[in-house]
C-alpha atoms as a PDB file:
ATOM      1  CA  MET A   1      25.819  49.939   6.445  1.00  0.00           C
ATOM      2  CA  SER A   2      26.020  46.342   7.644  1.00  0.00           C
ATOM      3  CA  GLU A   3      29.022  44.060   7.255  1.00  0.00           C
ATOM      4  CA  GLN A   4      27.336  42.265   4.340  1.00  0.00           C
ATOM      5  CA  GLY A   5      27.103  45.530   2.414  1.00  0.00           C
ATOM      6  CA  PHE A   6      23.348  46.061   2.777  1.00  0.00           C
ATOM      7  CA  VAL A   7      21.900  49.404   3.859  1.00  0.00           C
ATOM      8  CA  THR A   8      20.315  49.300   7.305  1.00  0.00           C
ATOM      9  CA  GLY A   9      18.703  51.828   9.590  1.00  0.00           C
ATOM     10  CA  PRO A  10      16.627  54.808   8.425  1.00  0.00           C
ATOM     11  CA  LEU A  11      18.279  54.823   4.989  1.00  0.00           C
ATOM     12  CA  ALA A  12      17.220  51.221   4.240  1.00  0.00           C
ATOM     13  CA  PRO A  13      14.611  50.846   1.472  1.00  0.00           C
ATOM     14  CA  ARG A  14      11.104  50.365   2.779  1.00  0.00           C
ATOM     15  CA  VAL A  15       9.152  47.211   1.981  1.00  0.00           C
ATOM     16  CA  THR A  16       5.535  47.955   1.160  1.00  0.00           C
ATOM     17  CA  ALA A  17       2.573  45.871   2.316  1.00  0.00           C
ATOM     18  CA  SER A  18       1.931  44.627  -1.222  1.00  0.00           C
ATOM     19  CA  GLU A  19       5.539  43.461  -1.518  1.00  0.00           C
ATOM     20  CA  LYS A  20       5.201  41.630   1.783  1.00  0.00           C
ATOM     21  CA  ARG A  21       2.060  39.898   0.550  1.00  0.00           C
ATOM     22  CA  GLY A  22       3.798  39.009  -2.692  1.00  0.00           C
ATOM     23  CA  SER A  23       6.742  37.491  -0.843  1.00  0.00           C
ATOM     24  CA  ALA A  24       4.337  35.542   1.391  1.00  0.00           C
ATOM     25  CA  TRP A  25       2.501  34.121  -1.630  1.00  0.00           C
ATOM     26  CA  GLY A  26       5.739  33.379  -3.466  1.00  0.00           C
ATOM     27  CA  PRO A  27       6.273  29.806  -2.170  1.00  0.00           C
ATOM     28  CA  TYR A  28       2.632  28.888  -2.853  1.00  0.00           C
ATOM     29  CA  LEU A  29       2.828  30.237  -6.412  1.00  0.00           C
ATOM     30  CA  ALA A  30       6.072  28.348  -6.953  1.00  0.00           C
ATOM     31  CA  ASP A  31       4.467  25.109  -5.722  1.00  0.00           C
ATOM     32  CA  LEU A  32       1.440  25.704  -7.948  1.00  0.00           C
ATOM     33  CA  GLY A  33       3.664  26.282 -10.957  1.00  0.00           C
ATOM     34  CA  ALA A  34       5.658  23.135 -10.224  1.00  0.00           C
ATOM     35  CA  ALA A  35       2.440  21.103  -9.901  1.00  0.00           C
ATOM     36  CA  ALA A  36       1.047  22.464 -13.189  1.00  0.00           C
ATOM     37  CA  ARG A  37       4.268  21.980 -15.158  1.00  0.00           C
ATOM     38  CA  PRO A  38       3.682  18.279 -16.016  1.00  0.00           C
ATOM     39  CA  PHE A  39       0.263  19.108 -17.521  1.00  0.00           C
ATOM     40  CA  ILE A  40       1.494  21.743 -19.965  1.00  0.00           C
ATOM     41  CA  LEU A  41       2.610  19.276 -22.637  1.00  0.00           C
ATOM     42  CA  VAL A  42      -0.662  17.308 -22.788  1.00  0.00           C
ATOM     43  CA  PRO A  43      -2.898  20.152 -24.129  1.00  0.00           C
ATOM     44  CA  LEU A  44      -0.227  21.070 -26.659  1.00  0.00           C
ATOM     45  CA  LEU A  45      -0.079  17.503 -27.950  1.00  0.00           C
ATOM     46  CA  LEU A  46      -3.870  17.293 -28.138  1.00  0.00           C
ATOM     47  CA  LEU A  47      -4.050  20.546 -30.123  1.00  0.00           C
ATOM     48  CA  ALA A  48      -1.332  19.379 -32.496  1.00  0.00           C
ATOM     49  CA  TRP A  49      -3.116  16.034 -32.922  1.00  0.00           C
ATOM     50  CA  GLU A  50      -6.474  17.684 -33.631  1.00  0.00           C
ATOM     51  CA  GLY A  51      -4.883  20.125 -36.057  1.00  0.00           C
ATOM     52  CA  GLY A  52      -2.998  17.366 -37.866  1.00  0.00           C
ATOM     53  CA  VAL A  53      -6.199  15.376 -38.445  1.00  0.00           C
ATOM     54  CA  ARG A  54      -8.160  18.403 -39.623  1.00  0.00           C
ATOM     55  CA  ALA A  55      -5.324  19.405 -41.950  1.00  0.00           C
ATOM     56  CA  GLY A  56      -5.278  15.922 -43.493  1.00  0.00           C
ATOM     57  CA  LEU A  57      -1.799  15.094 -42.199  1.00  0.00           C
ATOM     58  CA  ILE A  58      -3.071  12.287 -39.945  1.00  0.00           C
ATOM     59  CA  SER A  59      -5.536   9.581 -40.980  1.00  0.00           C
ATOM     60  CA  PRO A  60      -8.748   9.871 -38.902  1.00  0.00           C
ATOM     61  CA  ASN A  61      -9.375   6.134 -39.355  1.00  0.00           C
ATOM     62  CA  LEU A  62      -6.107   5.162 -37.702  1.00  0.00           C
ATOM     63  CA  PHE A  63      -5.840   8.119 -35.296  1.00  0.00           C
ATOM     64  CA  PRO A  64      -9.243   9.683 -34.644  1.00  0.00           C
ATOM     65  CA  PRO A  65      -8.936  13.263 -33.365  1.00  0.00           C
ATOM     66  CA  PRO A  66      -9.299  14.018 -29.653  1.00  0.00           C
ATOM     67  CA  SER A  67     -12.725  15.540 -30.318  1.00  0.00           C
ATOM     68  CA  ALA A  68     -13.963  12.177 -31.651  1.00  0.00           C
ATOM     69  CA  ILE A  69     -12.456  10.348 -28.688  1.00  0.00           C
ATOM     70  CA  PHE A  70     -14.112  12.683 -26.194  1.00  0.00           C
ATOM     71  CA  LYS A  71     -17.416  12.250 -28.030  1.00  0.00           C
ATOM     72  CA  ALA A  72     -17.036   8.470 -27.801  1.00  0.00           C
ATOM     73  CA  LEU A  73     -16.381   8.809 -24.067  1.00  0.00           C
ATOM     74  CA  ALA A  74     -19.516  10.919 -23.671  1.00  0.00           C
ATOM     75  CA  ASP A  75     -21.609   8.424 -25.658  1.00  0.00           C
ATOM     76  CA  LEU A  76     -20.318   5.451 -23.652  1.00  0.00           C
ATOM     77  CA  SER A  77     -20.938   7.311 -20.404  1.00  0.00           C
ATOM     78  CA  GLU A  78     -24.490   8.296 -21.355  1.00  0.00           C
ATOM     79  CA  ALA A  79     -25.258   4.711 -22.403  1.00  0.00           C
ATOM     80  CA  GLY A  80     -24.071   3.468 -18.992  1.00  0.00           C
ATOM     81  CA  MET A  81     -21.589   1.030 -20.508  1.00  0.00           C
ATOM     82  CA  LEU A  82     -18.438   2.883 -19.475  1.00  0.00           C
ATOM     83  CA  TRP A  83     -19.087   3.008 -15.747  1.00  0.00           C
ATOM     84  CA  GLY A  84     -20.055  -0.649 -15.578  1.00  0.00           C
ATOM     85  CA  ASP A  85     -16.811  -1.660 -17.299  1.00  0.00           C
ATOM     86  CA  VAL A  86     -14.771   0.664 -15.087  1.00  0.00           C
ATOM     87  CA  LEU A  87     -16.353  -0.829 -11.969  1.00  0.00           C
ATOM     88  CA  ALA A  88     -15.716  -4.375 -13.201  1.00  0.00           C
ATOM     89  CA  SER A  89     -12.029  -3.683 -13.901  1.00  0.00           C
ATOM     90  CA  VAL A  90     -11.412  -1.806 -10.648  1.00  0.00           C
ATOM     91  CA  THR A  91     -13.122  -4.555  -8.645  1.00  0.00           C
ATOM     92  CA  ARG A  92     -10.980  -7.254 -10.268  1.00  0.00           C
ATOM     93  CA  VAL A  93      -7.805  -5.273  -9.599  1.00  0.00           C
ATOM     94  CA  SER A  94      -8.785  -4.661  -5.979  1.00  0.00           C
ATOM     95  CA  ILE A  95      -9.329  -8.354  -5.296  1.00  0.00           C
ATOM     96  CA  GLY A  96      -6.236  -9.566  -7.141  1.00  0.00           C
ATOM     97  CA  PHE A  97      -4.089  -6.839  -5.618  1.00  0.00           C
ATOM     98  CA  ALA A  98      -5.277  -7.739  -2.111  1.00  0.00           C
ATOM     99  CA  PHE A  99      -4.162 -11.366  -2.636  1.00  0.00           C
ATOM    100  CA  ALA A 100      -0.815 -10.191  -4.039  1.00  0.00           C
ATOM    101  CA  ALA A 101      -0.219  -7.770  -1.165  1.00  0.00           C
ATOM    102  CA  LEU A 102      -0.982 -10.389   1.471  1.00  0.00           C
ATOM    103  CA  ALA A 103       1.235 -13.026  -0.138  1.00  0.00           C
ATOM    104  CA  GLY A 104       4.024 -10.677  -1.209  1.00  0.00           C
ATOM    105  CA  ILE A 105       4.422  -8.874   2.116  1.00  0.00           C
ATOM    106  CA  SER A 106       4.182 -12.046   4.202  1.00  0.00           C
ATOM    107  CA  LEU A 107       6.632 -14.037   2.093  1.00  0.00           C
ATOM    108  CA  GLY A 108       8.979 -11.080   1.655  1.00  0.00           C
ATOM    109  CA  LEU A 109       9.250 -10.490   5.404  1.00  0.00           C
ATOM    110  CA  LEU A 110       9.640 -14.207   6.076  1.00  0.00           C
ATOM    111  CA  LEU A 111      12.399 -14.815   3.540  1.00  0.00           C
ATOM    112  CA  GLY A 112      14.088 -11.517   4.331  1.00  0.00           C
ATOM    113  CA  ARG A 113      14.678 -12.620   7.917  1.00  0.00           C
ATOM    114  CA  SER A 114      15.162 -16.356   7.172  1.00  0.00           C
ATOM    115  CA  PRO A 115      18.296 -16.819   5.027  1.00  0.00           C
ATOM    116  CA  ARG A 116      18.111 -20.616   5.169  1.00  0.00           C
ATOM    117  CA  LEU A 117      14.532 -20.691   3.890  1.00  0.00           C
ATOM    118  CA  ALA A 118      15.377 -18.066   1.271  1.00  0.00           C
ATOM    119  CA  ALA A 119      18.189 -20.276  -0.023  1.00  0.00           C
ATOM    120  CA  TYR A 120      15.592 -22.911  -0.950  1.00  0.00           C
ATOM    121  CA  LEU A 121      12.778 -20.710  -2.249  1.00  0.00           C
ATOM    122  CA  MET A 122      14.532 -17.784  -3.970  1.00  0.00           C
ATOM    123  CA  PRO A 123      15.813 -19.881  -6.932  1.00  0.00           C
ATOM    124  CA  LEU A 124      12.249 -21.023  -7.631  1.00  0.00           C
ATOM    125  CA  ILE A 125      10.912 -17.453  -7.377  1.00  0.00           C
ATOM    126  CA  ASP A 126      13.690 -16.186  -9.646  1.00  0.00           C
ATOM    127  CA  MET A 127      12.772 -18.801 -12.258  1.00  0.00           C
ATOM    128  CA  VAL A 128       9.065 -17.979 -12.230  1.00  0.00           C
ATOM    129  CA  ARG A 129       9.550 -14.200 -12.135  1.00  0.00           C
ATOM    130  CA  PRO A 130      10.657 -13.720 -15.809  1.00  0.00           C
ATOM    131  CA  ILE A 131       7.633 -15.590 -17.203  1.00  0.00           C
ATOM    132  CA  SER A 132       5.247 -13.069 -18.747  1.00  0.00           C
ATOM    133  CA  VAL A 133       1.744 -12.944 -17.318  1.00  0.00           C
ATOM    134  CA  ILE A 134       0.464 -13.280 -20.890  1.00  0.00           C
ATOM    135  CA  ALA A 135       1.900 -16.809 -20.937  1.00  0.00           C
ATOM    136  CA  TRP A 136      -0.101 -17.631 -17.808  1.00  0.00           C
ATOM    137  CA  ILE A 137      -3.468 -16.663 -19.298  1.00  0.00           C
ATOM    138  CA  PRO A 138      -4.140 -20.030 -21.052  1.00  0.00           C
ATOM    139  CA  ILE A 139      -3.142 -21.871 -17.867  1.00  0.00           C
ATOM    140  CA  ALA A 140      -5.392 -19.612 -15.788  1.00  0.00           C
ATOM    141  CA  ILE A 141      -8.335 -20.334 -18.096  1.00  0.00           C
ATOM    142  CA  LEU A 142      -7.687 -24.086 -17.863  1.00  0.00           C
ATOM    143  CA  TRP A 143      -7.446 -23.937 -14.071  1.00  0.00           C
ATOM    144  CA  PHE A 144     -10.251 -21.493 -13.293  1.00  0.00           C
ATOM    145  CA  GLY A 145     -12.397 -21.332 -16.448  1.00  0.00           C
ATOM    146  CA  LEU A 146     -13.777 -18.060 -17.800  1.00  0.00           C
ATOM    147  CA  GLY A 147     -14.952 -15.150 -15.678  1.00  0.00           C
ATOM    148  CA  ASP A 148     -13.355 -13.272 -12.804  1.00  0.00           C
ATOM    149  CA  ARG A 149     -11.216 -15.967 -11.192  1.00  0.00           C
ATOM    150  CA  PRO A 150      -8.577 -16.222 -13.948  1.00  0.00           C
ATOM    151  CA  ALA A 151      -8.361 -12.425 -13.970  1.00  0.00           C
ATOM    152  CA  TRP A 152      -7.811 -12.411 -10.204  1.00  0.00           C
ATOM    153  CA  PHE A 153      -5.016 -14.951 -10.636  1.00  0.00           C
ATOM    154  CA  ILE A 154      -3.316 -12.992 -13.431  1.00  0.00           C
ATOM    155  CA  ILE A 155      -3.547  -9.721 -11.482  1.00  0.00           C
ATOM    156  CA  ALA A 156      -2.233 -11.312  -8.289  1.00  0.00           C
ATOM    157  CA  LEU A 157       0.629 -12.909 -10.185  1.00  0.00           C
ATOM    158  CA  GLY A 158       1.608  -9.677 -11.904  1.00  0.00           C
ATOM    159  CA  ALA A 159       1.429  -7.604  -8.725  1.00  0.00           C
ATOM    160  CA  PHE A 160       3.087 -10.195  -6.484  1.00  0.00           C
ATOM    161  CA  PHE A 161       6.683  -9.924  -7.670  1.00  0.00           C
ATOM    162  CA  PRO A 162       7.178  -6.150  -7.240  1.00  0.00           C
ATOM    163  CA  ILE A 163       5.598  -6.322  -3.781  1.00  0.00           C
ATOM    164  CA  PHE A 164       7.611  -9.371  -2.752  1.00  0.00           C
ATOM    165  CA  THR A 165      10.929  -8.067  -4.097  1.00  0.00           C
ATOM    166  CA  ASN A 166      10.664  -4.687  -2.389  1.00  0.00           C
ATOM    167  CA  THR A 167       9.469  -6.218   0.877  1.00  0.00           C
ATOM    168  CA  TYR A 168      12.299  -8.750   0.793  1.00  0.00           C
ATOM    169  CA  LEU A 169      14.860  -5.985   0.276  1.00  0.00           C
ATOM    170  CA  GLY A 170      13.267  -3.961   3.062  1.00  0.00           C
ATOM    171  CA  ALA A 171      13.431  -6.889   5.472  1.00  0.00           C
ATOM    172  CA  ARG A 172      17.086  -7.447   4.583  1.00  0.00           C
ATOM    173  CA  SER A 173      17.914  -3.776   5.179  1.00  0.00           C
ATOM    174  CA  VAL A 174      16.895  -3.630   8.852  1.00  0.00           C
ATOM    175  CA  SER A 175      19.603  -1.837  10.811  1.00  0.00           C
ATOM    176  CA  GLU A 176      21.954  -4.055  12.774  1.00  0.00           C
ATOM    177  CA  LEU A 177      21.646  -1.631  15.686  1.00  0.00           C
ATOM    178  CA  HIS A 178      17.889  -2.159  15.814  1.00  0.00           C
ATOM    179  CA  LEU A 179      18.385  -5.918  15.790  1.00  0.00           C
ATOM    180  CA  ARG A 180      20.844  -5.765  18.672  1.00  0.00           C
ATOM    181  CA  VAL A 181      18.581  -3.502  20.727  1.00  0.00           C
ATOM    182  CA  ALA A 182      15.669  -5.888  20.172  1.00  0.00           C
ATOM    183  CA  GLN A 183      17.843  -8.818  21.269  1.00  0.00           C
ATOM    184  CA  CYS A 184      19.030  -6.957  24.361  1.00  0.00           C
ATOM    185  CA  PHE A 185      15.462  -6.292  25.447  1.00  0.00           C
ATOM    186  CA  GLY A 186      14.434  -9.845  24.618  1.00  0.00           C
ATOM    187  CA  VAL A 187      11.404  -8.853  22.558  1.00  0.00           C
ATOM    188  CA  GLY A 188       9.201 -11.618  21.239  1.00  0.00           C
ATOM    189  CA  ARG A 189       8.748 -12.469  17.598  1.00  0.00           C
ATOM    190  CA  PHE A 190       5.394 -10.723  17.243  1.00  0.00           C
ATOM    191  CA  VAL A 191       6.645  -7.538  18.914  1.00  0.00           C
ATOM    192  CA  PHE A 192       9.797  -7.624  16.781  1.00  0.00           C
ATOM    193  CA  VAL A 193       7.757  -7.822  13.584  1.00  0.00           C
ATOM    194  CA  ARG A 194       5.339  -5.093  14.664  1.00  0.00           C
ATOM    195  CA  LYS A 195       7.794  -2.684  16.296  1.00  0.00           C
ATOM    196  CA  VAL A 196      11.051  -3.222  14.385  1.00  0.00           C
ATOM    197  CA  LEU A 197      10.714  -5.183  11.154  1.00  0.00           C
ATOM    198  CA  VAL A 198       7.619  -3.605   9.597  1.00  0.00           C
ATOM    199  CA  PRO A 199       8.495   0.032  10.471  1.00  0.00           C
ATOM    200  CA  SER A 200      12.021  -0.420   9.111  1.00  0.00           C
ATOM    201  CA  ALA A 201      10.815  -2.040   5.883  1.00  0.00           C
ATOM    202  CA  LEU A 202       7.774   0.227   5.467  1.00  0.00           C
ATOM    203  CA  PRO A 203       9.235   2.527   2.762  1.00  0.00           C
ATOM    204  CA  TYR A 204      10.214  -0.523   0.706  1.00  0.00           C
ATOM    205  CA  ILE A 205       6.815  -2.144   1.240  1.00  0.00           C
ATOM    206  CA  LEU A 206       4.940   0.978   0.158  1.00  0.00           C
ATOM    207  CA  ALA A 207       7.104   1.365  -2.940  1.00  0.00           C
ATOM    208  CA  GLY A 208       6.428  -2.262  -3.820  1.00  0.00           C
ATOM    209  CA  LEU A 209       2.694  -1.800  -3.325  1.00  0.00           C
ATOM    210  CA  ARG A 210       2.669   1.212  -5.636  1.00  0.00           C
ATOM    211  CA  ILE A 211       4.582  -0.609  -8.362  1.00  0.00           C
ATOM    212  CA  GLY A 212       2.517  -3.755  -7.848  1.00  0.00           C
ATOM    213  CA  LEU A 213      -0.757  -1.845  -8.173  1.00  0.00           C
ATOM    214  CA  GLY A 214       0.387  -0.423 -11.503  1.00  0.00           C
ATOM    215  CA  ALA A 215       1.435  -3.875 -12.692  1.00  0.00           C
ATOM    216  CA  GLY A 216      -1.894  -5.348 -11.606  1.00  0.00           C
ATOM    217  CA  TRP A 217      -3.791  -2.623 -13.467  1.00  0.00           C
ATOM    218  CA  MET A 218      -1.903  -3.483 -16.657  1.00  0.00           C
ATOM    219  CA  CYS A 219      -2.524  -7.197 -16.108  1.00  0.00           C
ATOM    220  CA  VAL A 220      -6.296  -6.849 -15.738  1.00  0.00           C
ATOM    221  CA  ILE A 221      -6.554  -5.267 -19.175  1.00  0.00           C
ATOM    222  CA  ALA A 222      -4.561  -8.125 -20.700  1.00  0.00           C
ATOM    223  CA  ALA A 223      -6.750 -10.696 -18.936  1.00  0.00           C
ATOM    224  CA  GLU A 224      -9.987  -8.973 -19.975  1.00  0.00           C
ATOM    225  CA  LEU A 225      -8.903  -8.880 -23.613  1.00  0.00           C
ATOM    226  CA  ILE A 226      -9.001 -12.676 -23.650  1.00  0.00           C
ATOM    227  CA  SER A 227     -11.066 -14.238 -20.875  1.00  0.00           C
ATOM    228  CA  ALA A 228     -13.667 -11.736 -19.616  1.00  0.00           C
ATOM    229  CA  THR A 229     -17.104 -10.577 -20.684  1.00  0.00           C
ATOM    230  CA  SER A 230     -16.903  -7.161 -18.986  1.00  0.00           C
ATOM    231  CA  GLY A 231     -14.341  -4.548 -18.101  1.00  0.00           C
ATOM    232  CA  LEU A 232     -12.308  -1.983 -19.997  1.00  0.00           C
ATOM    233  CA  GLY A 233     -10.220  -4.631 -21.751  1.00  0.00           C
ATOM    234  CA  TYR A 234     -13.370  -6.354 -22.966  1.00  0.00           C
ATOM    235  CA  MET A 235     -14.770  -2.998 -24.126  1.00  0.00           C
ATOM    236  CA  ILE A 236     -11.614  -2.336 -26.140  1.00  0.00           C
ATOM    237  CA  GLN A 237     -11.768  -5.810 -27.680  1.00  0.00           C
ATOM    238  CA  MET A 238     -15.387  -5.349 -28.756  1.00  0.00           C
ATOM    239  CA  ALA A 239     -14.615  -1.929 -30.221  1.00  0.00           C
ATOM    240  CA  ARG A 240     -11.726  -3.447 -32.173  1.00  0.00           C
ATOM    241  CA  THR A 241     -13.925  -6.108 -33.725  1.00  0.00           C
ATOM    242  CA  THR A 242     -16.362  -3.429 -34.938  1.00  0.00           C
ATOM    243  CA  ILE A 243     -13.465  -1.175 -36.108  1.00  0.00           C
ATOM    244  CA  GLU A 244     -14.508   1.695 -33.813  1.00  0.00           C
ATOM    245  CA  THR A 245     -11.044   3.105 -33.295  1.00  0.00           C
ATOM    246  CA  GLU A 246     -12.292   6.110 -31.363  1.00  0.00           C
ATOM    247  CA  LYS A 247     -13.794   3.782 -28.721  1.00  0.00           C
ATOM    248  CA  VAL A 248     -10.543   1.819 -28.523  1.00  0.00           C
ATOM    249  CA  LEU A 249      -8.628   5.024 -27.838  1.00  0.00           C
ATOM    250  CA  ALA A 250     -11.358   6.201 -25.467  1.00  0.00           C
ATOM    251  CA  GLY A 251     -10.869   3.033 -23.436  1.00  0.00           C
ATOM    252  CA  MET A 252      -7.114   3.609 -23.435  1.00  0.00           C
ATOM    253  CA  VAL A 253      -7.641   7.164 -22.168  1.00  0.00           C
ATOM    254  CA  VAL A 254      -9.790   5.904 -19.288  1.00  0.00           C
ATOM    255  CA  ILE A 255      -7.197   3.236 -18.453  1.00  0.00           C
ATOM    256  CA  GLY A 256      -4.461   5.865 -18.352  1.00  0.00           C
ATOM    257  CA  LEU A 257      -6.482   8.258 -16.200  1.00  0.00           C
ATOM    258  CA  ILE A 258      -7.412   5.581 -13.679  1.00  0.00           C
ATOM    259  CA  GLY A 259      -3.816   4.350 -13.547  1.00  0.00           C
ATOM    260  CA  PHE A 260      -2.633   7.922 -13.003  1.00  0.00           C
ATOM    261  CA  ALA A 261      -5.138   8.369 -10.172  1.00  0.00           C
ATOM    262  CA  MET A 262      -4.092   5.071  -8.568  1.00  0.00           C
ATOM    263  CA  ASN A 263      -0.434   6.023  -8.680  1.00  0.00           C
ATOM    264  CA  GLY A 264      -1.192   9.445  -7.194  1.00  0.00           C
ATOM    265  CA  ALA A 265      -3.223   7.888  -4.382  1.00  0.00           C
ATOM    266  CA  MET A 266      -0.425   5.454  -3.577  1.00  0.00           C
ATOM    267  CA  LEU A 267       2.157   8.258  -3.587  1.00  0.00           C
ATOM    268  CA  TRP A 268      -0.009  10.236  -1.157  1.00  0.00           C
ATOM    269  CA  LEU A 269      -0.420   7.182   1.081  1.00  0.00           C
ATOM    270  CA  GLU A 270       3.313   6.498   0.924  1.00  0.00           C
ATOM    271  CA  ARG A 271       4.181  10.060   1.991  1.00  0.00           C
ATOM    272  CA  ALA A 272       1.546  10.052   4.757  1.00  0.00           C
ATOM    273  CA  LEU A 273       2.612   6.735   6.272  1.00  0.00           C
ATOM    274  CA  THR A 274       6.349   7.351   6.066  1.00  0.00           C
ATOM    275  CA  ARG A 275       5.876  10.822   7.579  1.00  0.00           C
ATOM    276  CA  GLY A 276       3.870   9.267  10.413  1.00  0.00           C
ATOM    277  CA  ALA A 277       6.492   6.576  10.927  1.00  0.00           C
ATOM    278  CA  ARG A 278       9.282   9.186  11.138  1.00  0.00           C
ATOM    279  CA  ALA A 279       7.237  11.247  13.588  1.00  0.00           C
END
């Protein structure tokens, strides 16, 4: 018997091949169970919702059952309206988010390493930040008219502040040791930004991009409800005017699914880039 109290040698219990395979698959099964755990509640809620409507406990006019919502999604998809609105919304978000990322990362890195400039600009940014993007919609329409340009502005504005704030904090958090090493080697400004500043602030930048993308996706729906003639927000607005509640909820389902996919893609990108930076 070993010091730990386990039986060893010829008297030790034998481990069969099936048990070895089971132990080898154990971590994968555990990961699969952990990945499936967040999706357990959704089917249960949908079943309870459907049952409540069919039992007369929930008004189908105010809360159409999931079966009616899925039918509305199928009808919109077959008519070709859904995919056109999805494409319009995603395109607007992509353009507005690109502007926000460029401005937010550039200004965040600049102010993070320039305390004197930050002392002048940060009070202005802190005053503009609390203003809701909804309040900017009338101004955006006056400045840019109807169509895509006011939506781009609203999306860029909503996504800018999370990106800027996280980038600014990342630039401020650069290790003092890294700064001293860069000074000792006399690296130029461009090399410092590329080799020291951006890699050090990368986790903050990626977190800001993920939050900013989610904020921009919410902003495009708000903009399309008022100033657009296409997109998921416009589709929801038209369904509201015709009192087609199932289409309103169908649009909300699509918005949630796309937002979930965007967040998952950004999380994957964040893990991949930070893993590569550590390597």
